[in-house]
Amino acid sequence: MSEETPGFDEKPEVPVDGTPDEPQAADSAKEEEAAPAGDAAQDVALLAQLDQARTALSERTADLQRLQAEYQNYRRRVERDRITVKEIAVASLLTELLPTLDDIGRAREHGELVGGFKSVAESLETVAAKMGLQQFGKEGEPFDPTIHEALMHSYAPDITEDTCVAILQPGYRIGERTIRPARVAVAEPQPGAAPKSESAEGDKPSGEDADAADQG
């Protein structure tokens, strides 16, 4: 029988901080390296979501501003249409009253506007004026075809431009809108006639002529 070598079956002692613990340390290092990489990826994802949210907010803000502008334009159109409809209604009503106002004017010219009829007529004229009705047309003013309607025509030597010499029927307007032109008699300058100022100077004798006349 052979002799056993002393200590052959004995297991070597492994130090506590020896080689068997090295794989655990490597795993810990890998986990520590993987953690920052995971945080960076998460940050990138959050930044992408933030950019998407900002883009969506910008689009919604632009939509809101566009809707607000459209609403303001709608309100302005409604207000403008409301004013236009009101003006048309008032003009239509006052146009129907013009013959009555003409009768009142003729009665006033003939001295027939007296008593209760005078009070009613003046009240009607006051109401029409409050609604914006304005009368126009005066003798001696220049003829304007945009607001005057010539019913009679003549020549006059003492004028230098077409002139309204008689108002046959007054005109009426509401604001800048003419609802009836003034019907007038128009006179034009006499063909070949010198202006009044020049003819007056021509008729006046000169100084030499006056002296000769005095001496004679």
N, C-alpha and C. Protein backbone atom coordinates (compact mmCIF):
# COMPACT_ATOMS: atom_id res chain seq x y z
N MET A 1 0.86 -1.19 0.00
CA MET A 1 0.00 0.00 0.00
C MET A 1 0.87 1.21 0.00
N SER A 2 0.53 2.09 -0.93
CA SER A 2 1.35 3.31 -1.06
C SER A 2 0.98 4.32 -0.02
N GLU A 3 1.92 5.11 0.29
CA GLU A 3 1.66 6.15 1.27
C GLU A 3 1.04 7.37 0.62
N GLU A 4 0.05 7.89 1.29
CA GLU A 4 -0.64 9.08 0.79
C GLU A 4 0.20 10.29 1.04
N THR A 5 0.20 11.09 0.03
CA THR A 5 0.98 12.32 0.16
C THR A 5 0.27 13.25 1.11
N PRO A 6 0.99 13.66 2.13
CA PRO A 6 0.33 14.53 3.11
C PRO A 6 -0.15 15.83 2.47
N GLY A 7 -1.40 16.16 2.82
CA GLY A 7 -1.96 17.44 2.38
C GLY A 7 -2.43 17.46 0.94
N PHE A 8 -2.52 16.31 0.21
CA PHE A 8 -2.94 16.29 -1.19
C PHE A 8 -4.40 16.61 -1.34
N ASP A 9 -5.23 16.10 -0.40
CA ASP A 9 -6.67 16.32 -0.49
C ASP A 9 -7.13 17.63 0.13
N GLU A 10 -6.22 18.34 0.68
CA GLU A 10 -6.62 19.60 1.31
C GLU A 10 -6.90 20.67 0.28
N LYS A 11 -8.00 21.42 0.46
CA LYS A 11 -8.40 22.49 -0.45
C LYS A 11 -7.65 23.75 -0.13
N PRO A 12 -7.21 24.40 -1.16
CA PRO A 12 -6.47 25.64 -0.88
C PRO A 12 -7.40 26.71 -0.33
N GLU A 13 -6.82 27.46 0.55
CA GLU A 13 -7.60 28.56 1.13
C GLU A 13 -7.72 29.70 0.13
N VAL A 14 -8.95 30.24 0.01
CA VAL A 14 -9.21 31.33 -0.94
C VAL A 14 -9.41 32.61 -0.15
N PRO A 15 -8.62 33.57 -0.42
CA PRO A 15 -8.77 34.82 0.33
C PRO A 15 -10.14 35.47 0.07
N VAL A 16 -10.58 36.25 1.05
CA VAL A 16 -11.90 36.90 0.96
C VAL A 16 -11.98 37.85 -0.22
N ASP A 17 -10.94 38.59 -0.43
CA ASP A 17 -10.91 39.56 -1.55
C ASP A 17 -10.20 39.00 -2.74
N GLY A 18 -10.27 37.76 -2.96
CA GLY A 18 -9.51 37.13 -4.02
C GLY A 18 -10.25 37.14 -5.34
N THR A 19 -9.79 36.25 -6.23
CA THR A 19 -10.26 36.20 -7.60
C THR A 19 -11.73 35.84 -7.71
N PRO A 20 -12.32 34.92 -6.93
CA PRO A 20 -13.73 34.55 -7.10
C PRO A 20 -14.68 35.74 -7.02
N ASP A 21 -14.32 36.86 -6.32
CA ASP A 21 -15.22 38.02 -6.23
C ASP A 21 -15.09 38.97 -7.39
N GLU A 22 -14.12 38.82 -8.26
CA GLU A 22 -13.90 39.74 -9.37
C GLU A 22 -15.07 39.77 -10.36
N PRO A 23 -15.76 38.69 -10.74
CA PRO A 23 -16.93 38.76 -11.65
C PRO A 23 -18.04 39.63 -11.10
N GLN A 24 -18.29 39.58 -9.77
CA GLN A 24 -19.32 40.44 -9.19
C GLN A 24 -18.98 41.90 -9.35
N ALA A 25 -17.73 42.26 -9.15
CA ALA A 25 -17.31 43.65 -9.31
C ALA A 25 -17.48 44.11 -10.75
N ALA A 26 -17.20 43.25 -11.70
CA ALA A 26 -17.36 43.61 -13.12
C ALA A 26 -18.82 43.85 -13.45
N ASP A 27 -19.72 42.99 -12.88
CA ASP A 27 -21.15 43.19 -13.14
C ASP A 27 -21.63 44.53 -12.58
N SER A 28 -21.14 44.89 -11.40
CA SER A 28 -21.51 46.18 -10.81
C SER A 28 -21.05 47.33 -11.69
N ALA A 29 -19.85 47.23 -12.25
CA ALA A 29 -19.34 48.28 -13.12
C ALA A 29 -20.18 48.40 -14.38
N LYS A 30 -20.59 47.25 -14.93
CA LYS A 30 -21.43 47.30 -16.13
C LYS A 30 -22.77 47.96 -15.83
N GLU A 31 -23.35 47.64 -14.63
CA GLU A 31 -24.63 48.26 -14.27
C GLU A 31 -24.48 49.77 -14.13
N GLU A 32 -23.35 50.22 -13.52
CA GLU A 32 -23.13 51.65 -13.36
C GLU A 32 -22.96 52.34 -14.72
N GLU A 33 -22.33 51.67 -15.70
CA GLU A 33 -22.17 52.25 -17.03
C GLU A 33 -23.51 52.27 -17.78
N ALA A 34 -24.35 51.25 -17.55
CA ALA A 34 -25.64 51.18 -18.25
C ALA A 34 -26.63 52.22 -17.72
N ALA A 35 -26.50 52.58 -16.43
CA ALA A 35 -27.43 53.54 -15.84
C ALA A 35 -27.34 54.91 -16.50
N PRO A 36 -26.15 55.53 -16.67
CA PRO A 36 -26.09 56.83 -17.37
C PRO A 36 -26.61 56.75 -18.80
N ALA A 37 -26.35 55.65 -19.48
CA ALA A 37 -26.85 55.53 -20.85
C ALA A 37 -28.37 55.51 -20.87
N GLY A 38 -28.99 54.83 -19.89
CA GLY A 38 -30.45 54.82 -19.81
C GLY A 38 -31.01 56.19 -19.50
N ASP A 39 -30.37 56.95 -18.62
CA ASP A 39 -30.82 58.31 -18.30
C ASP A 39 -30.73 59.23 -19.51
N ALA A 40 -29.66 59.10 -20.29
CA ALA A 40 -29.50 59.94 -21.49
C ALA A 40 -30.61 59.65 -22.50
N ALA A 41 -30.92 58.38 -22.68
CA ALA A 41 -31.99 58.02 -23.62
C ALA A 41 -33.34 58.56 -23.15
N GLN A 42 -33.54 58.50 -21.82
CA GLN A 42 -34.78 59.04 -21.27
C GLN A 42 -34.86 60.55 -21.47
N ASP A 43 -33.73 61.25 -21.28
CA ASP A 43 -33.70 62.70 -21.50
C ASP A 43 -34.01 63.04 -22.95
N VAL A 44 -33.45 62.29 -23.87
CA VAL A 44 -33.71 62.53 -25.29
C VAL A 44 -35.20 62.35 -25.60
N ALA A 45 -35.79 61.32 -25.01
CA ALA A 45 -37.22 61.09 -25.24
C ALA A 45 -38.06 62.22 -24.66
N LEU A 46 -37.68 62.70 -23.47
CA LEU A 46 -38.41 63.81 -22.87
C LEU A 46 -38.27 65.08 -23.69
N LEU A 47 -37.07 65.35 -24.21
CA LEU A 47 -36.88 66.53 -25.07
C LEU A 47 -37.71 66.44 -26.34
N ALA A 48 -37.80 65.23 -26.90
CA ALA A 48 -38.61 65.05 -28.11
C ALA A 48 -40.09 65.31 -27.80
N GLN A 49 -40.56 64.80 -26.64
CA GLN A 49 -41.94 65.06 -26.25
C GLN A 49 -42.18 66.55 -26.00
N LEU A 50 -41.17 67.23 -25.39
CA LEU A 50 -41.31 68.66 -25.15
C LEU A 50 -41.39 69.45 -26.46
N ASP A 51 -40.58 69.07 -27.44
CA ASP A 51 -40.64 69.73 -28.75
C ASP A 51 -42.00 69.51 -29.41
N GLN A 52 -42.53 68.31 -29.29
CA GLN A 52 -43.84 68.03 -29.85
C GLN A 52 -44.93 68.88 -29.17
N ALA A 53 -44.79 69.00 -27.83
CA ALA A 53 -45.78 69.80 -27.10
C ALA A 53 -45.69 71.27 -27.50
N ARG A 54 -44.47 71.78 -27.67
CA ARG A 54 -44.30 73.17 -28.10
C ARG A 54 -44.87 73.39 -29.50
N THR A 55 -44.62 72.45 -30.38
CA THR A 55 -45.16 72.57 -31.74
C THR A 55 -46.69 72.57 -31.72
N ALA A 56 -47.27 71.66 -30.94
CA ALA A 56 -48.73 71.61 -30.84
C ALA A 56 -49.29 72.89 -30.24
N LEU A 57 -48.59 73.44 -29.24
CA LEU A 57 -49.04 74.69 -28.62
C LEU A 57 -48.99 75.85 -29.62
N SER A 58 -47.92 75.91 -30.41
CA SER A 58 -47.81 76.96 -31.42
C SER A 58 -48.93 76.85 -32.45
N GLU A 59 -49.24 75.63 -32.85
CA GLU A 59 -50.31 75.44 -33.83
C GLU A 59 -51.66 75.84 -33.24
N ARG A 60 -51.92 75.45 -32.00
CA ARG A 60 -53.20 75.81 -31.37
C ARG A 60 -53.30 77.32 -31.15
N THR A 61 -52.17 77.94 -30.79
CA THR A 61 -52.18 79.40 -30.62
C THR A 61 -52.48 80.10 -31.93
N ALA A 62 -51.86 79.63 -33.02
CA ALA A 62 -52.12 80.22 -34.33
C ALA A 62 -53.58 80.03 -34.73
N ASP A 63 -54.13 78.83 -34.43
CA ASP A 63 -55.55 78.58 -34.74
C ASP A 63 -56.45 79.53 -33.94
N LEU A 64 -56.12 79.73 -32.67
CA LEU A 64 -56.92 80.61 -31.82
C LEU A 64 -56.85 82.05 -32.32
N GLN A 65 -55.67 82.51 -32.70
CA GLN A 65 -55.52 83.87 -33.23
C GLN A 65 -56.29 84.03 -34.53
N ARG A 66 -56.26 83.02 -35.39
CA ARG A 66 -56.99 83.10 -36.65
C ARG A 66 -58.51 83.14 -36.39
N LEU A 67 -58.97 82.32 -35.45
CA LEU A 67 -60.40 82.33 -35.12
C LEU A 67 -60.81 83.67 -34.52
N GLN A 68 -59.94 84.24 -33.68
CA GLN A 68 -60.27 85.53 -33.10
C GLN A 68 -60.35 86.62 -34.16
N ALA A 69 -59.40 86.60 -35.11
CA ALA A 69 -59.43 87.58 -36.20
C ALA A 69 -60.68 87.41 -37.06
N GLU A 70 -61.05 86.16 -37.35
CA GLU A 70 -62.26 85.92 -38.13
C GLU A 70 -63.49 86.40 -37.39
N TYR A 71 -63.51 86.21 -36.07
CA TYR A 71 -64.66 86.66 -35.28
C TYR A 71 -64.77 88.18 -35.28
N GLN A 72 -63.62 88.86 -35.14
CA GLN A 72 -63.63 90.32 -35.17
C GLN A 72 -64.10 90.82 -36.53
N ASN A 73 -63.64 90.19 -37.61
CA ASN A 73 -64.10 90.59 -38.94
C ASN A 73 -65.60 90.33 -39.10
N TYR A 74 -66.08 89.23 -38.55
CA TYR A 74 -67.51 88.92 -38.60
C TYR A 74 -68.32 89.99 -37.85
N ARG A 75 -67.85 90.39 -36.68
CA ARG A 75 -68.56 91.40 -35.91
C ARG A 75 -68.60 92.73 -36.66
N ARG A 76 -67.46 93.09 -37.30
CA ARG A 76 -67.44 94.33 -38.07
C ARG A 76 -68.40 94.26 -39.25
N ARG A 77 -68.44 93.12 -39.94
CA ARG A 77 -69.36 92.97 -41.07
C ARG A 77 -70.81 93.07 -40.60
N VAL A 78 -71.11 92.42 -39.49
CA VAL A 78 -72.48 92.47 -38.97
C VAL A 78 -72.87 93.90 -38.60
N GLU A 79 -71.95 94.61 -37.94
CA GLU A 79 -72.25 95.99 -37.55
C GLU A 79 -72.41 96.88 -38.79
N ARG A 80 -71.53 96.68 -39.78
CA ARG A 80 -71.64 97.46 -41.02
C ARG A 80 -72.95 97.16 -41.75
N ASP A 81 -73.31 95.88 -41.81
CA ASP A 81 -74.57 95.52 -42.47
C ASP A 81 -75.77 96.07 -41.70
N ARG A 82 -75.67 96.07 -40.37
CA ARG A 82 -76.78 96.59 -39.58
C ARG A 82 -76.98 98.09 -39.84
N ILE A 83 -75.86 98.83 -39.90
CA ILE A 83 -75.95 100.26 -40.18
C ILE A 83 -76.48 100.51 -41.59
N THR A 84 -76.03 99.70 -42.54
CA THR A 84 -76.50 99.86 -43.92
C THR A 84 -77.99 99.59 -44.03
N VAL A 85 -78.46 98.53 -43.39
CA VAL A 85 -79.90 98.21 -43.42
C VAL A 85 -80.70 99.34 -42.77
N LYS A 86 -80.17 99.88 -41.67
CA LYS A 86 -80.88 100.98 -41.00
C LYS A 86 -80.96 102.20 -41.90
N GLU A 87 -79.83 102.53 -42.56
CA GLU A 87 -79.82 103.69 -43.45
C GLU A 87 -80.79 103.50 -44.61
N ILE A 88 -80.84 102.29 -45.17
CA ILE A 88 -81.75 102.02 -46.28
C ILE A 88 -83.20 102.16 -45.83
N ALA A 89 -83.50 101.64 -44.64
CA ALA A 89 -84.87 101.74 -44.14
C ALA A 89 -85.27 103.19 -43.88
N VAL A 90 -84.35 103.96 -43.28
CA VAL A 90 -84.65 105.37 -43.02
C VAL A 90 -84.81 106.14 -44.32
N ALA A 91 -83.91 105.88 -45.29
CA ALA A 91 -84.00 106.57 -46.57
C ALA A 91 -85.30 106.23 -47.29
N SER A 92 -85.72 104.95 -47.22
CA SER A 92 -86.98 104.56 -47.86
C SER A 92 -88.17 105.28 -47.22
N LEU A 93 -88.16 105.36 -45.90
CA LEU A 93 -89.26 106.04 -45.21
C LEU A 93 -89.29 107.53 -45.55
N LEU A 94 -88.13 108.17 -45.48
CA LEU A 94 -88.09 109.61 -45.74
C LEU A 94 -88.39 109.93 -47.19
N THR A 95 -88.02 109.04 -48.10
CA THR A 95 -88.35 109.26 -49.50
C THR A 95 -89.86 109.31 -49.71
N GLU A 96 -90.59 108.46 -48.98
CA GLU A 96 -92.05 108.48 -49.07
C GLU A 96 -92.64 109.76 -48.50
N LEU A 97 -91.90 110.43 -47.59
CA LEU A 97 -92.41 111.65 -46.98
C LEU A 97 -92.07 112.92 -47.78
N LEU A 98 -91.22 112.79 -48.79
CA LEU A 98 -90.79 113.98 -49.54
C LEU A 98 -91.96 114.73 -50.18
N PRO A 99 -92.91 114.08 -50.82
CA PRO A 99 -94.05 114.84 -51.37
C PRO A 99 -94.79 115.64 -50.31
N THR A 100 -94.94 115.06 -49.11
CA THR A 100 -95.61 115.80 -48.03
C THR A 100 -94.79 117.00 -47.61
N LEU A 101 -93.47 116.84 -47.54
CA LEU A 101 -92.60 117.96 -47.20
C LEU A 101 -92.65 119.04 -48.29
N ASP A 102 -92.77 118.61 -49.54
CA ASP A 102 -92.93 119.59 -50.63
C ASP A 102 -94.22 120.39 -50.47
N ASP A 103 -95.29 119.70 -50.11
CA ASP A 103 -96.57 120.40 -49.88
C ASP A 103 -96.45 121.40 -48.73
N ILE A 104 -95.74 121.00 -47.69
CA ILE A 104 -95.55 121.91 -46.56
C ILE A 104 -94.76 123.15 -47.00
N GLY A 105 -93.73 122.93 -47.82
CA GLY A 105 -92.94 124.06 -48.31
C GLY A 105 -93.76 125.01 -49.16
N ARG A 106 -94.59 124.47 -50.05
CA ARG A 106 -95.43 125.33 -50.89
C ARG A 106 -96.45 126.09 -50.06
N ALA A 107 -97.01 125.42 -49.06
CA ALA A 107 -97.97 126.10 -48.18
C ALA A 107 -97.30 127.23 -47.42
N ARG A 108 -96.06 127.02 -47.01
CA ARG A 108 -95.33 128.08 -46.30
C ARG A 108 -95.08 129.26 -47.22
N GLU A 109 -94.72 129.00 -48.48
CA GLU A 109 -94.46 130.09 -49.43
C GLU A 109 -95.71 130.92 -49.70
N HIS A 110 -96.87 130.29 -49.68
CA HIS A 110 -98.12 131.00 -49.97
C HIS A 110 -98.82 131.51 -48.71
N GLY A 111 -98.16 131.37 -47.56
CA GLY A 111 -98.75 131.88 -46.33
C GLY A 111 -99.92 131.07 -45.82
N GLU A 112 -99.99 129.82 -46.22
CA GLU A 112 -101.11 128.97 -45.81
C GLU A 112 -100.76 128.07 -44.62
N LEU A 113 -99.54 128.19 -44.12
CA LEU A 113 -99.10 127.34 -43.02
C LEU A 113 -99.47 128.02 -41.70
N VAL A 114 -100.70 127.83 -41.27
CA VAL A 114 -101.20 128.51 -40.08
C VAL A 114 -101.97 127.51 -39.20
N GLY A 115 -102.20 127.91 -37.97
CA GLY A 115 -103.03 127.12 -37.06
C GLY A 115 -102.43 125.78 -36.72
N GLY A 116 -103.32 124.81 -36.55
CA GLY A 116 -102.90 123.45 -36.20
C GLY A 116 -102.07 122.80 -37.29
N PHE A 117 -102.36 123.12 -38.54
CA PHE A 117 -101.59 122.56 -39.65
C PHE A 117 -100.12 122.96 -39.54
N LYS A 118 -99.87 124.20 -39.11
CA LYS A 118 -98.49 124.66 -38.95
C LYS A 118 -97.76 123.86 -37.88
N SER A 119 -98.43 123.61 -36.75
CA SER A 119 -97.81 122.84 -35.67
C SER A 119 -97.46 121.42 -36.11
N VAL A 120 -98.41 120.78 -36.80
CA VAL A 120 -98.17 119.41 -37.28
C VAL A 120 -97.04 119.39 -38.31
N ALA A 121 -97.04 120.36 -39.21
CA ALA A 121 -96.01 120.42 -40.25
C ALA A 121 -94.62 120.61 -39.64
N GLU A 122 -94.52 121.50 -38.67
CA GLU A 122 -93.22 121.74 -38.04
C GLU A 122 -92.76 120.52 -37.25
N SER A 123 -93.68 119.83 -36.61
CA SER A 123 -93.31 118.60 -35.89
C SER A 123 -92.79 117.55 -36.86
N LEU A 124 -93.43 117.41 -38.01
CA LEU A 124 -92.98 116.45 -39.01
C LEU A 124 -91.60 116.82 -39.52
N GLU A 125 -91.36 118.08 -39.80
CA GLU A 125 -90.04 118.52 -40.26
C GLU A 125 -88.97 118.28 -39.20
N THR A 126 -89.32 118.48 -37.93
CA THR A 126 -88.36 118.25 -36.84
C THR A 126 -87.98 116.78 -36.74
N VAL A 127 -88.98 115.90 -36.84
CA VAL A 127 -88.72 114.46 -36.78
C VAL A 127 -87.85 114.02 -37.96
N ALA A 128 -88.14 114.54 -39.15
CA ALA A 128 -87.34 114.19 -40.33
C ALA A 128 -85.90 114.66 -40.17
N ALA A 129 -85.71 115.84 -39.59
CA ALA A 129 -84.35 116.35 -39.37
C ALA A 129 -83.60 115.49 -38.36
N LYS A 130 -84.30 115.03 -37.31
CA LYS A 130 -83.65 114.16 -36.32
C LYS A 130 -83.24 112.83 -36.93
N MET A 131 -83.95 112.39 -37.95
CA MET A 131 -83.59 111.14 -38.63
C MET A 131 -82.48 111.34 -39.64
N GLY A 132 -81.98 112.56 -39.75
CA GLY A 132 -80.83 112.82 -40.62
C GLY A 132 -81.14 113.45 -41.95
N LEU A 133 -82.40 113.82 -42.20
CA LEU A 133 -82.76 114.41 -43.48
C LEU A 133 -82.30 115.87 -43.54
N GLN A 134 -81.62 116.22 -44.61
CA GLN A 134 -81.12 117.58 -44.81
C GLN A 134 -81.59 118.10 -46.16
N GLN A 135 -82.09 119.32 -46.16
CA GLN A 135 -82.52 119.96 -47.39
C GLN A 135 -81.38 120.80 -47.96
N PHE A 136 -81.27 120.82 -49.29
CA PHE A 136 -80.22 121.64 -49.91
C PHE A 136 -80.76 122.22 -51.21
N GLY A 137 -80.05 123.21 -51.70
CA GLY A 137 -80.44 123.90 -52.93
C GLY A 137 -80.77 125.35 -52.65
N LYS A 138 -79.91 126.28 -53.14
CA LYS A 138 -80.13 127.71 -52.94
C LYS A 138 -79.89 128.46 -54.25
N GLU A 139 -80.63 129.51 -54.43
CA GLU A 139 -80.42 130.33 -55.62
C GLU A 139 -79.04 130.99 -55.55
N GLY A 140 -78.39 131.04 -56.72
CA GLY A 140 -77.09 131.68 -56.81
C GLY A 140 -75.91 130.75 -56.61
N GLU A 141 -76.14 129.51 -56.21
CA GLU A 141 -75.01 128.60 -56.03
C GLU A 141 -74.63 127.97 -57.38
N PRO A 142 -73.37 127.61 -57.56
CA PRO A 142 -72.93 127.01 -58.83
C PRO A 142 -73.69 125.71 -59.11
N PHE A 143 -73.95 125.49 -60.37
CA PHE A 143 -74.66 124.28 -60.77
C PHE A 143 -73.72 123.08 -60.69
N ASP A 144 -74.18 122.03 -59.99
CA ASP A 144 -73.41 120.80 -59.84
C ASP A 144 -74.28 119.65 -60.32
N PRO A 145 -73.94 119.03 -61.45
CA PRO A 145 -74.82 117.96 -61.99
C PRO A 145 -74.94 116.75 -61.09
N THR A 146 -74.05 116.60 -60.09
CA THR A 146 -74.14 115.44 -59.20
C THR A 146 -75.23 115.61 -58.15
N ILE A 147 -75.64 116.85 -57.88
CA ILE A 147 -76.67 117.09 -56.86
C ILE A 147 -77.81 117.95 -57.39
N HIS A 148 -77.67 118.48 -58.61
CA HIS A 148 -78.72 119.32 -59.19
C HIS A 148 -79.27 118.66 -60.45
N GLU A 149 -80.55 118.87 -60.68
CA GLU A 149 -81.20 118.42 -61.91
C GLU A 149 -81.78 119.65 -62.61
N ALA A 150 -81.24 119.96 -63.78
CA ALA A 150 -81.66 121.16 -64.50
C ALA A 150 -82.96 120.90 -65.25
N LEU A 151 -83.99 121.66 -64.90
CA LEU A 151 -85.29 121.57 -65.59
C LEU A 151 -85.51 122.72 -66.56
N MET A 152 -84.81 123.82 -66.36
CA MET A 152 -84.93 125.00 -67.23
C MET A 152 -83.53 125.52 -67.52
N HIS A 153 -83.40 126.16 -68.70
CA HIS A 153 -82.09 126.64 -69.11
C HIS A 153 -82.23 128.02 -69.73
N SER A 154 -81.27 128.90 -69.42
CA SER A 154 -81.28 130.25 -69.98
C SER A 154 -79.85 130.78 -69.97
N TYR A 155 -79.71 132.05 -70.52
CA TYR A 155 -78.41 132.70 -70.54
C TYR A 155 -78.52 134.00 -69.75
N ALA A 156 -77.40 134.36 -69.14
CA ALA A 156 -77.36 135.60 -68.37
C ALA A 156 -76.01 136.27 -68.60
N PRO A 157 -75.98 137.58 -68.83
CA PRO A 157 -74.71 138.26 -69.12
C PRO A 157 -73.89 138.57 -67.88
N ASP A 158 -74.46 138.50 -66.71
CA ASP A 158 -73.74 138.93 -65.51
C ASP A 158 -73.21 137.77 -64.68
N ILE A 159 -73.03 136.58 -65.25
CA ILE A 159 -72.47 135.44 -64.53
C ILE A 159 -71.27 134.90 -65.31
N THR A 160 -70.41 134.20 -64.60
CA THR A 160 -69.19 133.65 -65.22
C THR A 160 -69.18 132.13 -65.25
N GLU A 161 -70.19 131.48 -64.66
CA GLU A 161 -70.27 130.02 -64.64
C GLU A 161 -71.74 129.61 -64.57
N ASP A 162 -71.99 128.36 -64.86
CA ASP A 162 -73.37 127.86 -64.76
C ASP A 162 -73.87 128.03 -63.34
N THR A 163 -75.03 128.68 -63.22
CA THR A 163 -75.53 129.06 -61.89
C THR A 163 -76.99 128.68 -61.76
N CYS A 164 -77.36 128.25 -60.55
CA CYS A 164 -78.76 127.96 -60.25
C CYS A 164 -79.47 129.28 -59.96
N VAL A 165 -80.34 129.69 -60.86
CA VAL A 165 -81.02 130.97 -60.69
C VAL A 165 -82.40 130.82 -60.05
N ALA A 166 -82.90 129.60 -59.96
CA ALA A 166 -84.18 129.36 -59.30
C ALA A 166 -84.23 127.91 -58.83
N ILE A 167 -84.76 127.70 -57.63
CA ILE A 167 -84.91 126.35 -57.07
C ILE A 167 -86.38 125.95 -57.25
N LEU A 168 -86.61 125.07 -58.19
CA LEU A 168 -87.98 124.65 -58.47
C LEU A 168 -88.46 123.60 -57.47
N GLN A 169 -87.54 122.81 -56.95
CA GLN A 169 -87.87 121.80 -55.95
C GLN A 169 -86.59 121.50 -55.17
N PRO A 170 -86.61 121.64 -53.85
CA PRO A 170 -85.38 121.43 -53.08
C PRO A 170 -84.91 119.98 -53.13
N GLY A 171 -83.64 119.82 -52.94
CA GLY A 171 -83.07 118.47 -52.87
C GLY A 171 -82.94 118.03 -51.42
N TYR A 172 -82.78 116.72 -51.22
CA TYR A 172 -82.65 116.17 -49.87
C TYR A 172 -81.53 115.13 -49.86
N ARG A 173 -80.84 115.08 -48.73
CA ARG A 173 -79.78 114.09 -48.54
C ARG A 173 -79.83 113.59 -47.11
N ILE A 174 -79.23 112.39 -46.93
CA ILE A 174 -79.03 111.83 -45.60
C ILE A 174 -77.54 111.58 -45.46
N GLY A 175 -76.89 112.38 -44.66
CA GLY A 175 -75.44 112.30 -44.57
C GLY A 175 -74.82 112.71 -45.89
N GLU A 176 -74.04 111.83 -46.49
CA GLU A 176 -73.44 112.10 -47.79
C GLU A 176 -74.25 111.49 -48.93
N ARG A 177 -75.34 110.85 -48.61
CA ARG A 177 -76.14 110.17 -49.63
C ARG A 177 -77.29 111.05 -50.08
N THR A 178 -77.33 111.36 -51.37
CA THR A 178 -78.41 112.17 -51.93
C THR A 178 -79.59 111.27 -52.28
N ILE A 179 -80.75 111.57 -51.68
CA ILE A 179 -81.93 110.75 -51.98
C ILE A 179 -82.82 111.42 -53.01
N ARG A 180 -82.62 112.74 -53.23
CA ARG A 180 -83.30 113.41 -54.34
C ARG A 180 -82.52 114.66 -54.72
N PRO A 181 -82.13 114.80 -55.99
CA PRO A 181 -81.40 116.02 -56.39
C PRO A 181 -82.31 117.23 -56.37
N ALA A 182 -81.70 118.39 -56.22
CA ALA A 182 -82.47 119.63 -56.29
C ALA A 182 -82.80 119.93 -57.75
N ARG A 183 -84.04 120.22 -58.02
CA ARG A 183 -84.48 120.54 -59.38
C ARG A 183 -84.46 122.05 -59.54
N VAL A 184 -83.68 122.51 -60.52
CA VAL A 184 -83.36 123.93 -60.59
C VAL A 184 -83.50 124.45 -62.01
N ALA A 185 -83.52 125.80 -62.10
CA ALA A 185 -83.38 126.49 -63.38
C ALA A 185 -81.95 126.99 -63.46
N VAL A 186 -81.30 126.71 -64.57
CA VAL A 186 -79.87 127.01 -64.72
C VAL A 186 -79.68 128.10 -65.76
N ALA A 187 -78.76 129.00 -65.45
CA ALA A 187 -78.38 130.04 -66.40
C ALA A 187 -76.90 129.89 -66.72
N GLU A 188 -76.58 130.04 -68.01
CA GLU A 188 -75.20 129.98 -68.46
C GLU A 188 -74.73 131.39 -68.83
N PRO A 189 -73.41 131.62 -68.84
CA PRO A 189 -72.92 132.93 -69.28
C PRO A 189 -73.34 133.21 -70.73
N GLN A 190 -73.67 134.45 -71.00
CA GLN A 190 -74.09 134.84 -72.35
C GLN A 190 -72.92 134.67 -73.32
N PRO A 191 -73.11 133.95 -74.41
CA PRO A 191 -72.00 133.77 -75.36
C PRO A 191 -71.51 135.11 -75.89
N GLY A 192 -70.20 135.34 -75.85
CA GLY A 192 -69.62 136.57 -76.36
C GLY A 192 -69.72 137.75 -75.44
N ALA A 193 -70.39 137.59 -74.30
CA ALA A 193 -70.53 138.71 -73.37
C ALA A 193 -69.32 138.77 -72.46
N ALA A 194 -68.80 139.99 -72.25
CA ALA A 194 -67.66 140.18 -71.37
C ALA A 194 -68.13 140.09 -69.93
N PRO A 195 -67.27 139.60 -69.03
CA PRO A 195 -67.64 139.58 -67.62
C PRO A 195 -68.04 140.95 -67.13
N LYS A 196 -68.84 140.97 -66.10
CA LYS A 196 -69.40 142.21 -65.59
C LYS A 196 -68.33 143.18 -65.14
N SER A 197 -67.29 142.65 -64.48
CA SER A 197 -66.23 143.52 -63.97
C SER A 197 -65.48 144.19 -65.12
N GLU A 198 -65.20 143.41 -66.19
CA GLU A 198 -64.47 143.98 -67.32
C GLU A 198 -65.33 145.00 -68.06
N SER A 199 -66.62 144.71 -68.22
CA SER A 199 -67.48 145.64 -68.93
C SER A 199 -67.64 146.93 -68.13
N ALA A 200 -67.66 146.84 -66.84
CA ALA A 200 -67.78 148.04 -66.01
C ALA A 200 -66.55 148.91 -66.16
N GLU A 201 -65.37 148.27 -66.19
CA GLU A 201 -64.14 149.04 -66.38
C GLU A 201 -64.09 149.65 -67.77
N GLY A 202 -64.65 148.89 -68.79
CA GLY A 202 -64.62 149.41 -70.15
C GLY A 202 -65.56 150.60 -70.31
N ASP A 203 -66.67 150.59 -69.58
CA ASP A 203 -67.60 151.71 -69.68
C ASP A 203 -67.10 152.95 -68.97
N LYS A 204 -66.20 152.79 -68.01
CA LYS A 204 -65.70 153.93 -67.26
C LYS A 204 -64.70 154.70 -68.10
N PRO A 205 -64.83 156.01 -68.32
CA PRO A 205 -63.89 156.77 -69.15
C PRO A 205 -62.52 156.85 -68.50
N SER A 206 -61.51 156.86 -69.35
CA SER A 206 -60.14 156.97 -68.82
C SER A 206 -59.91 158.38 -68.31
N GLY A 207 -58.76 158.60 -67.68
CA GLY A 207 -58.45 159.91 -67.10
C GLY A 207 -58.37 160.99 -68.16
N GLU A 208 -57.72 160.69 -69.31
CA GLU A 208 -57.56 161.69 -70.38
C GLU A 208 -58.92 162.04 -70.99
N ASP A 209 -59.76 160.99 -71.19
CA ASP A 209 -61.09 161.24 -71.76
C ASP A 209 -61.92 162.08 -70.83
N ALA A 210 -61.77 161.82 -69.54
CA ALA A 210 -62.55 162.59 -68.57
C ALA A 210 -62.11 164.05 -68.56
N ASP A 211 -60.79 164.27 -68.65
CA ASP A 211 -60.30 165.64 -68.65
C ASP A 211 -60.75 166.37 -69.92
N ALA A 212 -60.72 165.65 -71.07
CA ALA A 212 -61.14 166.26 -72.33
C ALA A 212 -62.61 166.62 -72.26
N ALA A 213 -63.40 165.73 -71.64
CA ALA A 213 -64.82 166.02 -71.52
C ALA A 213 -65.05 167.22 -70.64
N ASP A 214 -64.26 167.36 -69.57
CA ASP A 214 -64.43 168.52 -68.68
C ASP A 214 -64.05 169.82 -69.38
N GLN A 215 -62.95 169.76 -70.18
CA GLN A 215 -62.52 170.96 -70.88
C GLN A 215 -63.54 171.34 -71.94
N GLY A 216 -64.16 170.35 -72.59
CA GLY A 216 -65.14 170.64 -73.61
C GLY A 216 -66.38 171.27 -73.01
